Amino acid sequence: MNLLAITWNFDPIFISLGPLDIAWYGVMWVLAFFLGERFFGRIVKKEGLNPDMTISAFFYMFIATIIGARLGHCLFYDPAFYFLDPFQSTFPWIKILDFRAGGLASHGAAIGMVIGIFMWSKKWKIPSIWMFDRVGIVVAIGGAAIRLGNFFNSEIYGTATDLPWGVIFARDGQTIPMHPTQIYEAVMYLFIFAIMMHIYYRTKLSDKRGVMFGLFLIMLFGARFIIESIKQVQEGWETGLVDSIGLNMGQLLSLPFIIGGVVILAIAIKRPANPYTNMPLAKFAKKTKK
């Protein structure tokens, strides 16, 4: 028995306003977007671009990420309920819109964000790689906040452990210490955020288009792949998947992003440095209408 284990019985509700409960998880999502907007605004200011880009990017990323995260959960983790059983009287497709019922997948959020970036880049007539190279900075810090929200919710934790920092998630009915994988991920995302900030502000690597994005994909989803190996499965059917191929759904979904990161980085390294600052700003942002 681990006598040093932490018993976690945190109330996930931040505040109750009559019949409406606002959870800490939702607060962390708001914090994630707030931090992302702040840091992206600094990047725009540093590069002397149109400040209207910040609000526009926030809007596109917010919509694309939320929709992607919800659809990702429904499609990747519970497709039988939401899509494959049309004879249910409760209209399961409508329940996709029920965000309060839970179910947001980070891999779905990543796919949604990619689509959102392409749409945003087209609107602003900016090479999409410009945004991809910078999005890792804001995504990493936002991801750390969201994983703290998972910790407050006592969800998405790991398997049993005897390590002194094991956590007993009492609110979820656990009686033995588990790996606090939410904290592991939050720490790793903060570490990735620090690396991305260093690359952007202190090195010339960002002059090679695609380097930052490739590194981001490898680091973030590589960390996710490793940590997933000690996570409990999110859905019961994943047990069969793990037994058959040794990987859970989160690991399978991480592999394409890791491979994509390796390919993008390899191509980017071979290209000569071509900093965006050498190009006319008019090619990057529309003028503000007066």
Protein backbone atom coordinates (compact mmCIF):
# COMPACT_ATOMS: atom_id res chain seq x y z
CA MET A 1 0.00 0.00 0.00
CA ASN A 2 1.31 3.43 -0.95
CA LEU A 3 1.02 5.56 2.18
CA LEU A 4 2.23 8.66 0.32
CA ALA A 5 -0.58 8.65 -2.25
CA ILE A 6 -2.67 11.77 -2.66
CA THR A 7 -6.41 11.46 -2.20
CA TRP A 8 -8.15 13.71 -4.71
CA ASN A 9 -11.78 14.55 -4.06
CA PHE A 10 -12.03 17.94 -5.74
CA ASP A 11 -15.44 19.43 -6.52
CA PRO A 12 -15.47 19.86 -10.33
CA ILE A 13 -18.08 22.64 -10.18
CA PHE A 14 -16.58 26.10 -10.20
CA ILE A 15 -19.82 27.95 -9.50
CA SER A 16 -23.56 27.28 -9.62
CA LEU A 17 -25.88 29.92 -11.01
CA GLY A 18 -29.35 28.60 -10.31
CA PRO A 19 -29.87 25.50 -12.45
CA LEU A 20 -26.64 26.20 -14.39
CA ASP A 21 -23.41 24.62 -13.17
CA ILE A 22 -20.16 26.03 -14.51
CA ALA A 23 -17.43 23.41 -14.23
CA TRP A 24 -13.73 23.99 -13.72
CA TYR A 25 -13.23 22.07 -16.96
CA GLY A 26 -15.12 24.76 -18.85
CA VAL A 27 -13.15 27.47 -17.06
CA MET A 28 -9.92 25.80 -18.19
CA TRP A 29 -11.11 25.77 -21.79
CA VAL A 30 -11.82 29.50 -21.54
CA LEU A 31 -8.36 30.00 -20.01
CA ALA A 32 -6.80 27.99 -22.84
CA PHE A 33 -8.34 30.23 -25.50
CA PHE A 34 -7.54 33.37 -23.50
CA LEU A 35 -3.86 32.43 -23.23
CA GLY A 36 -3.78 31.47 -26.88
CA GLU A 37 -5.26 34.80 -27.90
CA ARG A 38 -2.80 36.71 -25.73
CA PHE A 39 0.32 34.96 -27.04
CA PHE A 40 -0.83 35.04 -30.65
CA GLY A 41 -1.50 38.76 -30.25
CA ARG A 42 2.10 39.24 -29.12
CA ILE A 43 3.35 37.37 -32.18
CA VAL A 44 1.24 39.54 -34.49
CA LYS A 45 2.50 42.68 -32.77
CA LYS A 46 6.13 41.51 -32.88
CA GLU A 47 5.91 40.93 -36.62
CA GLY A 48 4.20 44.24 -37.25
CA LEU A 49 1.03 42.73 -38.69
CA ASN A 50 -2.57 43.82 -38.65
CA PRO A 51 -3.91 43.50 -35.05
CA ASP A 52 -7.31 42.54 -36.44
CA MET A 53 -5.72 39.18 -37.25
CA THR A 54 -5.73 38.25 -33.56
CA ILE A 55 -9.49 38.47 -33.07
CA SER A 56 -10.11 36.81 -36.41
CA ALA A 57 -7.78 33.93 -35.58
CA PHE A 58 -9.38 33.52 -32.14
CA PHE A 59 -12.83 33.21 -33.72
CA TYR A 60 -11.74 30.65 -36.33
CA MET A 61 -9.74 28.58 -33.84
CA PHE A 62 -12.48 28.61 -31.22
CA ILE A 63 -15.20 27.39 -33.59
CA ALA A 64 -12.99 24.88 -35.40
CA THR A 65 -11.49 23.43 -32.20
CA ILE A 66 -14.79 22.98 -30.37
CA ILE A 67 -16.53 21.41 -33.35
CA GLY A 68 -13.54 19.19 -34.10
CA ALA A 69 -13.18 18.08 -30.48
CA ARG A 70 -16.84 17.13 -30.19
CA LEU A 71 -17.07 15.36 -33.54
CA GLY A 72 -13.76 13.64 -32.82
CA HIS A 73 -15.12 12.11 -29.63
CA CYS A 74 -18.34 11.01 -31.28
CA LEU A 75 -16.56 9.53 -34.32
CA PHE A 76 -13.43 8.04 -32.73
CA TYR A 77 -14.68 6.86 -29.35
CA ASP A 78 -18.43 6.29 -29.57
CA PRO A 79 -19.48 5.99 -33.24
CA ALA A 80 -21.94 3.18 -32.53
CA PHE A 81 -24.09 5.47 -30.40
CA TYR A 82 -23.91 8.67 -32.40
CA PHE A 83 -23.79 7.44 -35.99
CA LEU A 84 -24.44 3.71 -36.40
CA ASP A 85 -27.75 3.17 -34.60
CA PRO A 86 -30.37 5.35 -36.33
CA PHE A 87 -33.26 3.43 -34.78
CA GLN A 88 -32.80 4.90 -31.31
CA SER A 89 -35.82 6.94 -30.29
CA THR A 90 -33.63 9.55 -28.59
CA PHE A 91 -32.22 10.85 -31.91
CA PRO A 92 -28.52 10.26 -31.07
CA TRP A 93 -27.34 12.57 -33.86
CA ILE A 94 -28.93 15.49 -32.05
CA LYS A 95 -27.00 14.53 -28.93
CA ILE A 96 -23.80 15.44 -30.74
CA LEU A 97 -24.75 19.02 -29.88
CA ASP A 98 -25.04 18.20 -26.16
CA PHE A 99 -21.62 19.40 -25.03
CA ARG A 100 -22.68 19.24 -21.39
CA ALA A 101 -22.95 15.47 -21.70
CA GLY A 102 -19.17 15.38 -22.05
CA GLY A 103 -16.95 13.98 -24.72
CA LEU A 104 -14.26 16.15 -26.33
CA ALA A 105 -11.33 14.51 -28.12
CA SER A 106 -8.04 16.33 -28.47
CA HIS A 107 -7.20 14.57 -31.74
CA GLY A 108 -10.51 15.76 -33.16
CA ALA A 109 -9.66 19.25 -31.91
CA ALA A 110 -6.33 19.05 -33.77
CA ILE A 111 -8.04 18.07 -37.02
CA GLY A 112 -10.59 20.85 -36.59
CA MET A 113 -7.82 23.33 -35.92
CA VAL A 114 -6.01 22.33 -39.12
CA ILE A 115 -9.18 22.97 -41.13
CA GLY A 116 -9.73 26.25 -39.30
CA ILE A 117 -6.18 27.39 -40.07
CA PHE A 118 -6.59 26.71 -43.78
CA MET A 119 -9.85 28.69 -43.81
CA TRP A 120 -8.33 31.56 -41.82
CA SER A 121 -5.23 31.67 -44.02
CA LYS A 122 -7.37 31.87 -47.13
CA LYS A 123 -9.33 34.79 -45.66
CA TRP A 124 -6.19 36.74 -44.78
CA LYS A 125 -4.25 35.67 -47.89
CA ILE A 126 -1.44 34.33 -45.71
CA PRO A 127 0.56 31.16 -46.39
CA SER A 128 -0.98 28.60 -44.05
CA ILE A 129 2.48 27.41 -42.99
CA TRP A 130 2.97 30.81 -41.33
CA MET A 131 0.13 30.00 -38.96
CA PHE A 132 1.09 26.36 -38.52
CA ASP A 133 4.60 27.41 -37.50
CA ARG A 134 3.18 29.64 -34.77
CA VAL A 135 0.16 27.66 -33.66
CA GLY A 136 2.29 25.22 -31.69
CA ILE A 137 3.20 27.99 -29.27
CA VAL A 138 -0.37 28.80 -28.35
CA VAL A 139 -1.69 25.22 -28.57
CA ALA A 140 0.89 23.91 -26.13
CA ILE A 141 0.02 26.40 -23.38
CA GLY A 142 -3.71 25.92 -24.01
CA GLY A 143 -3.37 22.15 -23.88
CA ALA A 144 -1.78 22.38 -20.43
CA ALA A 145 -4.79 24.33 -19.13
CA ILE A 146 -7.26 21.82 -20.57
CA ARG A 147 -5.44 18.87 -19.00
CA LEU A 148 -5.70 20.61 -15.64
CA GLY A 149 -9.43 20.74 -16.31
CA ASN A 150 -9.40 16.96 -16.78
CA PHE A 151 -7.61 16.65 -13.45
CA PHE A 152 -10.25 18.78 -11.73
CA ASN A 153 -12.87 16.49 -13.29
CA SER A 154 -11.10 13.36 -11.99
CA GLU A 155 -11.09 11.88 -15.51
CA ILE A 156 -8.69 10.50 -18.11
CA TYR A 157 -6.25 9.26 -15.48
CA GLY A 158 -3.81 6.39 -15.68
CA THR A 159 -3.41 2.90 -14.41
CA ALA A 160 -2.52 1.85 -10.87
CA THR A 161 0.88 2.90 -9.54
CA ASP A 162 3.03 2.60 -6.40
CA LEU A 163 4.87 5.82 -7.12
CA PRO A 164 4.73 8.39 -4.30
CA TRP A 165 2.81 10.87 -6.46
CA GLY A 166 0.04 8.41 -7.26
CA VAL A 167 -3.43 9.90 -6.90
CA ILE A 168 -6.56 8.24 -5.51
CA PHE A 169 -9.42 9.72 -7.53
CA ALA A 170 -12.01 9.27 -4.80
CA ARG A 171 -14.73 11.23 -6.60
CA ASP A 172 -14.56 8.72 -9.45
CA GLY A 173 -14.85 5.81 -7.01
CA GLN A 174 -11.19 4.79 -6.98
CA THR A 175 -9.59 3.38 -3.83
CA ILE A 176 -6.03 2.82 -5.07
CA PRO A 177 -3.43 5.28 -6.41
CA MET A 178 -3.44 5.94 -10.15
CA HIS A 179 -1.00 7.71 -12.44
CA PRO A 180 -2.12 11.37 -12.67
CA THR A 181 -1.61 11.35 -16.43
CA GLN A 182 -3.43 14.67 -16.75
CA ILE A 183 -0.61 16.29 -14.77
CA TYR A 184 2.02 14.43 -16.78
CA GLU A 185 0.56 15.84 -19.98
CA ALA A 186 0.16 19.34 -18.57
CA VAL A 187 3.83 19.39 -17.54
CA MET A 188 4.95 18.07 -20.92
CA TYR A 189 2.86 20.68 -22.75
CA LEU A 190 4.38 23.45 -20.65
CA PHE A 191 7.82 22.08 -21.50
CA ILE A 192 6.93 22.06 -25.20
CA PHE A 193 5.60 25.61 -24.87
CA ALA A 194 8.94 26.73 -23.41
CA ILE A 195 10.84 25.04 -26.26
CA MET A 196 8.64 26.61 -28.92
CA MET A 197 8.99 30.04 -27.34
CA HIS A 198 12.77 29.64 -27.24
CA ILE A 199 12.91 28.58 -30.88
CA TYR A 200 10.73 31.46 -31.99
CA TYR A 201 12.34 34.26 -30.00
CA ARG A 202 15.94 33.10 -29.57
CA THR A 203 16.96 31.07 -32.64
CA LYS A 204 17.01 31.25 -36.44
CA LEU A 205 15.22 27.90 -36.83
CA SER A 206 11.92 29.69 -37.36
CA ASP A 207 13.37 31.10 -40.61
CA LYS A 208 13.03 27.62 -42.10
CA ARG A 209 9.35 27.35 -42.80
CA GLY A 210 7.79 24.24 -41.34
CA VAL A 211 10.52 23.49 -38.80
CA MET A 212 8.55 24.76 -35.82
CA PHE A 213 5.37 22.98 -36.88
CA GLY A 214 7.17 19.71 -37.56
CA LEU A 215 8.90 19.82 -34.18
CA PHE A 216 5.63 20.67 -32.47
CA LEU A 217 3.81 17.68 -33.96
CA ILE A 218 6.62 15.30 -33.04
CA MET A 219 6.97 16.59 -29.48
CA LEU A 220 3.31 16.95 -28.56
CA PHE A 221 1.97 13.76 -30.10
CA GLY A 222 5.12 11.85 -29.21
CA ALA A 223 4.53 12.78 -25.57
CA ARG A 224 0.86 11.91 -25.95
CA PHE A 225 1.74 8.49 -27.45
CA ILE A 226 4.04 7.65 -24.52
CA ILE A 227 1.67 8.83 -21.80
CA GLU A 228 -1.26 7.02 -23.42
CA SER A 229 0.54 3.75 -22.68
CA ILE A 230 -0.21 4.15 -18.96
CA LYS A 231 -3.71 5.60 -19.36
CA GLN A 232 -6.88 3.70 -18.69
CA VAL A 233 -8.97 3.15 -21.81
CA GLN A 234 -11.70 5.72 -22.28
CA GLU A 235 -14.23 3.29 -23.75
CA GLY A 236 -14.75 -0.38 -22.95
CA TRP A 237 -14.26 -1.52 -26.54
CA GLU A 238 -10.68 -0.18 -26.49
CA THR A 239 -9.69 -3.09 -24.24
CA GLY A 240 -10.06 -5.46 -27.17
CA LEU A 241 -7.99 -3.09 -29.32
CA VAL A 242 -5.18 -3.04 -26.75
CA ASP A 243 -5.29 -6.83 -26.36
CA SER A 244 -5.06 -7.35 -30.13
CA ILE A 245 -2.45 -4.79 -31.24
CA GLY A 246 -1.08 -3.38 -27.97
CA LEU A 247 -2.18 0.19 -28.71
CA ASN A 248 -5.21 2.17 -27.57
CA MET A 249 -7.22 4.60 -29.67
CA GLY A 250 -5.29 7.62 -28.43
CA GLN A 251 -2.00 6.08 -29.54
CA LEU A 252 -3.35 5.08 -32.95
CA LEU A 253 -4.66 8.60 -33.52
CA SER A 254 -1.30 10.09 -32.47
CA LEU A 255 0.74 8.08 -35.00
CA PRO A 256 -0.38 10.00 -38.15
CA PHE A 257 0.48 13.30 -36.47
CA ILE A 258 3.94 12.04 -35.45
CA ILE A 259 4.64 10.69 -38.94
CA GLY A 260 3.36 13.92 -40.47
CA GLY A 261 5.66 15.90 -38.17
CA VAL A 262 8.69 13.86 -39.23
CA VAL A 263 7.89 14.37 -42.93
CA ILE A 264 7.26 18.12 -42.51
CA LEU A 265 10.47 18.56 -40.50
CA ALA A 266 12.56 16.59 -43.00
CA ILE A 267 11.28 18.69 -45.91
CA ALA A 268 11.68 21.94 -43.96
CA ILE A 269 15.29 21.24 -42.99
CA LYS A 270 16.28 20.67 -46.62
CA ARG A 271 14.84 24.01 -47.69
CA PRO A 272 16.94 27.17 -47.47
CA ALA A 273 16.05 29.68 -44.78
CA ASN A 274 13.36 32.05 -46.00
CA PRO A 275 12.15 34.22 -43.13
CA TYR A 276 8.72 35.77 -43.45
CA THR A 277 10.17 39.11 -42.40
CA ASN A 278 11.88 39.33 -45.80
CA MET A 279 8.54 39.50 -47.58
CA PRO A 280 6.25 42.54 -47.90
CA LEU A 281 3.75 42.71 -45.05
CA ALA A 282 1.00 43.42 -47.55
CA LYS A 283 1.19 39.77 -48.54
CA PHE A 284 0.37 38.73 -45.00
CA ALA A 285 -2.47 40.93 -43.89
CA LYS A 286 -5.25 43.03 -45.26
CA LYS A 287 -5.34 46.67 -44.36
CA THR A 288 -7.84 47.61 -41.70
CA LYS A 289 -10.92 49.16 -43.25
CA LYS A 290 -11.59 52.70 -42.13
